[in-house]
N, C-alpha and C. Protein backbone atom coordinates (compact mmCIF):
# COMPACT_ATOMS: atom_id res chain seq x y z
N MET A 1 12.33 68.03 -54.69
CA MET A 1 11.67 68.39 -53.45
C MET A 1 11.82 67.28 -52.40
N ALA A 2 11.77 66.03 -52.82
CA ALA A 2 11.88 64.91 -51.89
C ALA A 2 13.26 64.88 -51.23
N LYS A 3 14.27 65.30 -51.99
CA LYS A 3 15.63 65.34 -51.46
C LYS A 3 15.73 66.33 -50.30
N ASN A 4 15.12 67.50 -50.48
CA ASN A 4 15.11 68.53 -49.44
C ASN A 4 14.34 68.05 -48.21
N GLU A 5 13.22 67.35 -48.44
CA GLU A 5 12.41 66.84 -47.34
C GLU A 5 13.17 65.78 -46.54
N ALA A 6 13.91 64.94 -47.25
CA ALA A 6 14.71 63.91 -46.57
C ALA A 6 15.79 64.57 -45.72
N ARG A 7 16.37 65.64 -46.23
CA ARG A 7 17.39 66.37 -45.48
C ARG A 7 16.79 66.99 -44.22
N LEU A 8 15.60 67.60 -44.35
CA LEU A 8 14.92 68.17 -43.18
C LEU A 8 14.61 67.10 -42.14
N ASN A 9 14.17 65.93 -42.61
CA ASN A 9 13.88 64.84 -41.68
C ASN A 9 15.14 64.38 -40.94
N ARG A 10 16.27 64.30 -41.65
CA ARG A 10 17.54 63.92 -41.01
C ARG A 10 17.93 64.94 -39.95
N ILE A 11 17.79 66.22 -40.29
CA ILE A 11 18.14 67.29 -39.35
C ILE A 11 17.20 67.28 -38.15
N ASN A 12 15.91 67.06 -38.40
CA ASN A 12 14.94 66.97 -37.30
C ASN A 12 15.34 65.86 -36.32
N GLU A 13 15.72 64.71 -36.85
CA GLU A 13 16.09 63.58 -36.00
C GLU A 13 17.38 63.87 -35.24
N GLU A 14 18.34 64.47 -35.92
CA GLU A 14 19.61 64.83 -35.27
C GLU A 14 19.37 65.84 -34.14
N LEU A 15 18.54 66.84 -34.40
CA LEU A 15 18.19 67.82 -33.37
C LEU A 15 17.47 67.16 -32.20
N ARG A 16 16.55 66.23 -32.50
CA ARG A 16 15.81 65.54 -31.44
C ARG A 16 16.76 64.80 -30.51
N LYS A 17 17.72 64.07 -31.09
CA LYS A 17 18.69 63.32 -30.28
C LYS A 17 19.54 64.27 -29.43
N GLU A 18 20.02 65.32 -30.05
CA GLU A 18 20.89 66.27 -29.34
C GLU A 18 20.12 66.98 -28.22
N LEU A 19 18.91 67.41 -28.50
CA LEU A 19 18.09 68.06 -27.48
C LEU A 19 17.80 67.12 -26.32
N SER A 20 17.54 65.86 -26.62
CA SER A 20 17.29 64.87 -25.56
C SER A 20 18.49 64.76 -24.63
N ASN A 21 19.68 64.71 -25.23
CA ASN A 21 20.91 64.64 -24.41
C ASN A 21 21.09 65.89 -23.57
N ILE A 22 20.88 67.05 -24.16
CA ILE A 22 21.06 68.30 -23.43
C ILE A 22 20.08 68.39 -22.27
N LEU A 23 18.81 68.07 -22.52
CA LEU A 23 17.80 68.15 -21.46
C LEU A 23 18.07 67.14 -20.35
N ALA A 24 18.57 65.97 -20.72
CA ALA A 24 18.79 64.92 -19.73
C ALA A 24 20.05 65.15 -18.90
N TYR A 25 21.12 65.65 -19.51
CA TYR A 25 22.40 65.65 -18.83
C TYR A 25 23.03 67.02 -18.57
N GLU A 26 22.66 68.04 -19.33
CA GLU A 26 23.40 69.29 -19.23
C GLU A 26 22.59 70.47 -18.69
N LEU A 27 21.28 70.36 -18.71
CA LEU A 27 20.45 71.48 -18.29
C LEU A 27 20.24 71.45 -16.78
N LYS A 28 20.60 72.54 -16.12
CA LYS A 28 20.51 72.60 -14.66
C LYS A 28 19.60 73.76 -14.23
N ASN A 29 18.37 73.78 -14.72
CA ASN A 29 17.43 74.83 -14.35
C ASN A 29 16.51 74.29 -13.26
N PRO A 30 16.47 74.94 -12.08
CA PRO A 30 15.64 74.42 -10.98
C PRO A 30 14.14 74.45 -11.26
N ASN A 31 13.70 75.28 -12.22
CA ASN A 31 12.28 75.33 -12.55
C ASN A 31 11.81 74.12 -13.36
N ILE A 32 12.76 73.42 -13.97
CA ILE A 32 12.41 72.29 -14.81
C ILE A 32 12.40 71.03 -13.95
N THR A 33 11.19 70.51 -13.72
CA THR A 33 11.04 69.32 -12.88
C THR A 33 10.36 68.22 -13.67
N GLY A 34 10.51 67.01 -13.19
CA GLY A 34 9.88 65.87 -13.85
C GLY A 34 10.79 65.27 -14.91
N MET A 35 10.22 64.32 -15.62
CA MET A 35 10.99 63.66 -16.67
C MET A 35 10.57 64.25 -18.02
N LEU A 36 11.54 64.80 -18.71
CA LEU A 36 11.28 65.39 -20.03
C LEU A 36 11.75 64.45 -21.11
N SER A 37 10.97 64.34 -22.16
CA SER A 37 11.47 63.65 -23.34
C SER A 37 11.05 64.42 -24.57
N VAL A 38 11.98 64.54 -25.49
CA VAL A 38 11.70 65.24 -26.75
C VAL A 38 11.06 64.22 -27.68
N THR A 39 9.80 64.45 -28.03
CA THR A 39 9.09 63.48 -28.85
C THR A 39 9.25 63.75 -30.34
N LYS A 40 9.37 65.04 -30.69
CA LYS A 40 9.47 65.38 -32.11
C LYS A 40 10.07 66.77 -32.26
N VAL A 41 10.77 66.98 -33.37
CA VAL A 41 11.30 68.30 -33.72
C VAL A 41 10.91 68.56 -35.16
N LYS A 42 10.39 69.77 -35.42
CA LYS A 42 10.06 70.17 -36.80
C LYS A 42 10.77 71.49 -37.08
N ILE A 43 11.73 71.43 -37.97
CA ILE A 43 12.48 72.63 -38.35
C ILE A 43 11.83 73.24 -39.59
N THR A 44 11.82 74.57 -39.64
CA THR A 44 11.26 75.23 -40.82
C THR A 44 12.24 75.08 -41.99
N PRO A 45 11.74 75.11 -43.22
CA PRO A 45 12.63 74.93 -44.39
C PRO A 45 13.76 75.96 -44.46
N ASP A 46 13.57 77.15 -43.87
CA ASP A 46 14.64 78.15 -43.90
C ASP A 46 15.59 78.01 -42.70
N PHE A 47 15.38 77.01 -41.85
CA PHE A 47 16.24 76.69 -40.71
C PHE A 47 16.25 77.76 -39.62
N LYS A 48 15.32 78.69 -39.66
CA LYS A 48 15.32 79.77 -38.66
C LYS A 48 14.68 79.35 -37.35
N TYR A 49 13.68 78.48 -37.42
CA TYR A 49 12.96 78.06 -36.21
C TYR A 49 12.84 76.54 -36.17
N ALA A 50 12.83 76.02 -34.96
CA ALA A 50 12.57 74.59 -34.77
C ALA A 50 11.54 74.47 -33.66
N LYS A 51 10.43 73.82 -33.97
CA LYS A 51 9.41 73.56 -32.96
C LYS A 51 9.78 72.26 -32.27
N VAL A 52 9.95 72.33 -30.95
CA VAL A 52 10.38 71.17 -30.17
C VAL A 52 9.20 70.70 -29.33
N TYR A 53 8.75 69.49 -29.58
CA TYR A 53 7.64 68.93 -28.82
C TYR A 53 8.20 68.09 -27.67
N VAL A 54 7.82 68.45 -26.45
CA VAL A 54 8.31 67.73 -25.27
C VAL A 54 7.15 67.11 -24.51
N SER A 55 7.42 65.93 -23.99
CA SER A 55 6.47 65.26 -23.12
C SER A 55 7.01 65.40 -21.70
N ILE A 56 6.15 65.80 -20.78
CA ILE A 56 6.58 66.05 -19.40
C ILE A 56 5.80 65.11 -18.48
N LEU A 57 6.53 64.27 -17.75
CA LEU A 57 5.91 63.36 -16.80
C LEU A 57 6.38 63.67 -15.39
N ASN A 58 5.50 63.53 -14.43
CA ASN A 58 5.81 63.71 -13.00
C ASN A 58 6.38 65.07 -12.67
N SER A 59 5.92 66.10 -13.33
CA SER A 59 6.41 67.45 -13.05
C SER A 59 5.63 68.04 -11.88
N LYS A 60 6.33 68.81 -11.04
CA LYS A 60 5.65 69.51 -9.94
C LYS A 60 4.71 70.56 -10.51
N ASN A 61 5.16 71.25 -11.57
CA ASN A 61 4.36 72.29 -12.18
C ASN A 61 4.73 72.37 -13.67
N VAL A 62 3.82 71.93 -14.53
CA VAL A 62 4.10 71.87 -15.97
C VAL A 62 4.34 73.27 -16.54
N ASP A 63 3.55 74.26 -16.09
CA ASP A 63 3.72 75.62 -16.59
C ASP A 63 5.10 76.17 -16.25
N LYS A 64 5.56 75.92 -15.01
CA LYS A 64 6.88 76.38 -14.59
C LYS A 64 7.98 75.67 -15.38
N THR A 65 7.77 74.39 -15.66
CA THR A 65 8.74 73.64 -16.45
C THR A 65 8.84 74.21 -17.86
N MET A 66 7.69 74.52 -18.46
CA MET A 66 7.71 75.11 -19.81
C MET A 66 8.39 76.48 -19.78
N GLU A 67 8.11 77.25 -18.73
CA GLU A 67 8.75 78.57 -18.57
C GLU A 67 10.26 78.40 -18.45
N GLY A 68 10.69 77.39 -17.68
CA GLY A 68 12.11 77.10 -17.52
C GLY A 68 12.76 76.73 -18.84
N LEU A 69 12.06 75.96 -19.66
CA LEU A 69 12.59 75.60 -20.98
C LEU A 69 12.76 76.84 -21.85
N LYS A 70 11.75 77.73 -21.81
CA LYS A 70 11.84 78.96 -22.61
C LYS A 70 12.99 79.83 -22.13
N GLU A 71 13.19 79.90 -20.80
CA GLU A 71 14.31 80.67 -20.26
C GLU A 71 15.65 80.09 -20.69
N SER A 72 15.71 78.76 -20.79
CA SER A 72 16.97 78.08 -21.11
C SER A 72 17.21 77.93 -22.61
N ALA A 73 16.30 78.42 -23.43
CA ALA A 73 16.39 78.22 -24.88
C ALA A 73 17.71 78.74 -25.45
N GLY A 74 18.20 79.87 -24.95
CA GLY A 74 19.46 80.43 -25.44
C GLY A 74 20.64 79.51 -25.14
N PHE A 75 20.69 79.00 -23.92
CA PHE A 75 21.76 78.07 -23.54
C PHE A 75 21.69 76.80 -24.40
N ILE A 76 20.49 76.27 -24.55
CA ILE A 76 20.30 75.03 -25.33
C ILE A 76 20.71 75.27 -26.79
N ARG A 77 20.33 76.42 -27.31
CA ARG A 77 20.67 76.76 -28.70
C ARG A 77 22.19 76.86 -28.89
N SER A 78 22.88 77.45 -27.90
CA SER A 78 24.35 77.57 -28.02
C SER A 78 25.01 76.19 -27.97
N LYS A 79 24.46 75.27 -27.16
CA LYS A 79 25.00 73.90 -27.12
C LYS A 79 24.80 73.20 -28.46
N ILE A 80 23.63 73.42 -29.06
CA ILE A 80 23.35 72.81 -30.37
C ILE A 80 24.30 73.37 -31.42
N ALA A 81 24.55 74.68 -31.36
CA ALA A 81 25.46 75.31 -32.32
C ALA A 81 26.85 74.68 -32.26
N LYS A 82 27.28 74.32 -31.04
CA LYS A 82 28.61 73.69 -30.89
C LYS A 82 28.61 72.25 -31.38
N ASP A 83 27.51 71.53 -31.13
CA ASP A 83 27.50 70.09 -31.36
C ASP A 83 27.04 69.68 -32.75
N ILE A 84 26.18 70.48 -33.38
CA ILE A 84 25.68 70.14 -34.72
C ILE A 84 26.13 71.22 -35.69
N ASN A 85 26.72 70.79 -36.78
CA ASN A 85 27.25 71.74 -37.74
C ASN A 85 26.17 72.17 -38.73
N LEU A 86 25.47 73.25 -38.36
CA LEU A 86 24.47 73.84 -39.25
C LEU A 86 24.88 75.26 -39.56
N ARG A 87 24.58 75.71 -40.77
CA ARG A 87 24.91 77.09 -41.12
C ARG A 87 24.14 78.06 -40.22
N ILE A 88 22.87 77.76 -40.01
CA ILE A 88 22.03 78.58 -39.13
C ILE A 88 21.54 77.68 -38.01
N THR A 89 21.76 78.11 -36.77
CA THR A 89 21.20 77.36 -35.64
C THR A 89 19.80 77.91 -35.39
N PRO A 90 18.80 77.05 -35.46
CA PRO A 90 17.43 77.54 -35.36
C PRO A 90 17.07 78.05 -33.96
N GLU A 91 16.15 78.98 -33.92
CA GLU A 91 15.58 79.42 -32.66
C GLU A 91 14.60 78.34 -32.21
N LEU A 92 14.63 78.01 -30.93
CA LEU A 92 13.83 76.90 -30.42
C LEU A 92 12.51 77.39 -29.85
N VAL A 93 11.44 76.74 -30.26
CA VAL A 93 10.10 77.04 -29.75
C VAL A 93 9.59 75.74 -29.12
N PHE A 94 9.37 75.77 -27.80
CA PHE A 94 8.95 74.57 -27.09
C PHE A 94 7.43 74.47 -27.02
N GLU A 95 6.93 73.28 -27.29
CA GLU A 95 5.49 72.99 -27.21
C GLU A 95 5.30 71.71 -26.40
N ILE A 96 4.20 71.65 -25.67
CA ILE A 96 3.89 70.43 -24.91
C ILE A 96 3.28 69.42 -25.86
N ASP A 97 3.79 68.19 -25.80
CA ASP A 97 3.22 67.08 -26.57
C ASP A 97 2.47 66.20 -25.57
N ASP A 98 1.17 66.28 -25.60
CA ASP A 98 0.40 65.49 -24.64
C ASP A 98 -0.15 64.21 -25.26
N SER A 99 0.46 63.76 -26.35
CA SER A 99 -0.04 62.56 -27.02
C SER A 99 0.13 61.31 -26.15
N LEU A 100 1.19 61.27 -25.31
CA LEU A 100 1.37 60.12 -24.42
C LEU A 100 0.26 60.07 -23.38
N GLU A 101 -0.07 61.23 -22.80
CA GLU A 101 -1.16 61.29 -21.83
C GLU A 101 -2.48 60.93 -22.51
N TYR A 102 -2.67 61.44 -23.71
CA TYR A 102 -3.89 61.17 -24.47
C TYR A 102 -4.01 59.67 -24.72
N GLY A 103 -2.92 59.06 -25.14
CA GLY A 103 -2.90 57.61 -25.39
C GLY A 103 -3.20 56.82 -24.13
N ALA A 104 -2.64 57.24 -23.00
CA ALA A 104 -2.88 56.56 -21.72
C ALA A 104 -4.36 56.69 -21.33
N ARG A 105 -4.93 57.87 -21.58
CA ARG A 105 -6.35 58.08 -21.26
C ARG A 105 -7.24 57.17 -22.11
N ILE A 106 -6.91 57.06 -23.40
CA ILE A 106 -7.66 56.18 -24.31
C ILE A 106 -7.54 54.73 -23.83
N ASP A 107 -6.33 54.30 -23.46
CA ASP A 107 -6.11 52.94 -22.96
C ASP A 107 -6.97 52.66 -21.74
N LYS A 108 -7.01 53.63 -20.82
CA LYS A 108 -7.79 53.47 -19.59
C LYS A 108 -9.28 53.33 -19.93
N ILE A 109 -9.76 54.16 -20.82
CA ILE A 109 -11.18 54.09 -21.23
C ILE A 109 -11.48 52.73 -21.85
N LEU A 110 -10.60 52.25 -22.73
CA LEU A 110 -10.81 50.95 -23.38
C LEU A 110 -10.79 49.82 -22.36
N ASN A 111 -9.85 49.88 -21.41
CA ASN A 111 -9.79 48.86 -20.37
C ASN A 111 -11.03 48.88 -19.50
N ASP A 112 -11.50 50.08 -19.15
CA ASP A 112 -12.71 50.19 -18.35
C ASP A 112 -13.91 49.59 -19.09
N LEU A 113 -14.00 49.84 -20.39
CA LEU A 113 -15.10 49.28 -21.18
C LEU A 113 -15.00 47.76 -21.26
N LYS A 114 -13.78 47.25 -21.41
CA LYS A 114 -13.56 45.81 -21.51
C LYS A 114 -13.94 45.10 -20.21
N ASN A 115 -13.65 45.77 -19.07
CA ASN A 115 -13.89 45.17 -17.77
C ASN A 115 -15.35 45.21 -17.33
N LYS A 116 -16.18 45.94 -18.06
CA LYS A 116 -17.60 46.05 -17.66
C LYS A 116 -18.40 44.85 -18.11
């Protein structure tokens, strides 16, 4: 079982790197604004789906950006199929990862407490 888990982790990391490149350099959707970074990818054991966690900074409209990502999922999936040799290219499900914002909020609260 550990061998399979290690393989999934390798694939998750490979997908994360590839998705980061695609979002940064190849995606030209006008609805997607701000700085996107792929924080984590979790592929299902059957390789049918991959949950992609993205952090969005300085976006004009986060909801529109997420909608743009969902619209572009087919294009992104086809790029992954070309670049990564997997038997099954997973369907991409995008989720917002707000852990960076959460961490910044916690930092601000701690700094405010320290300064009092």
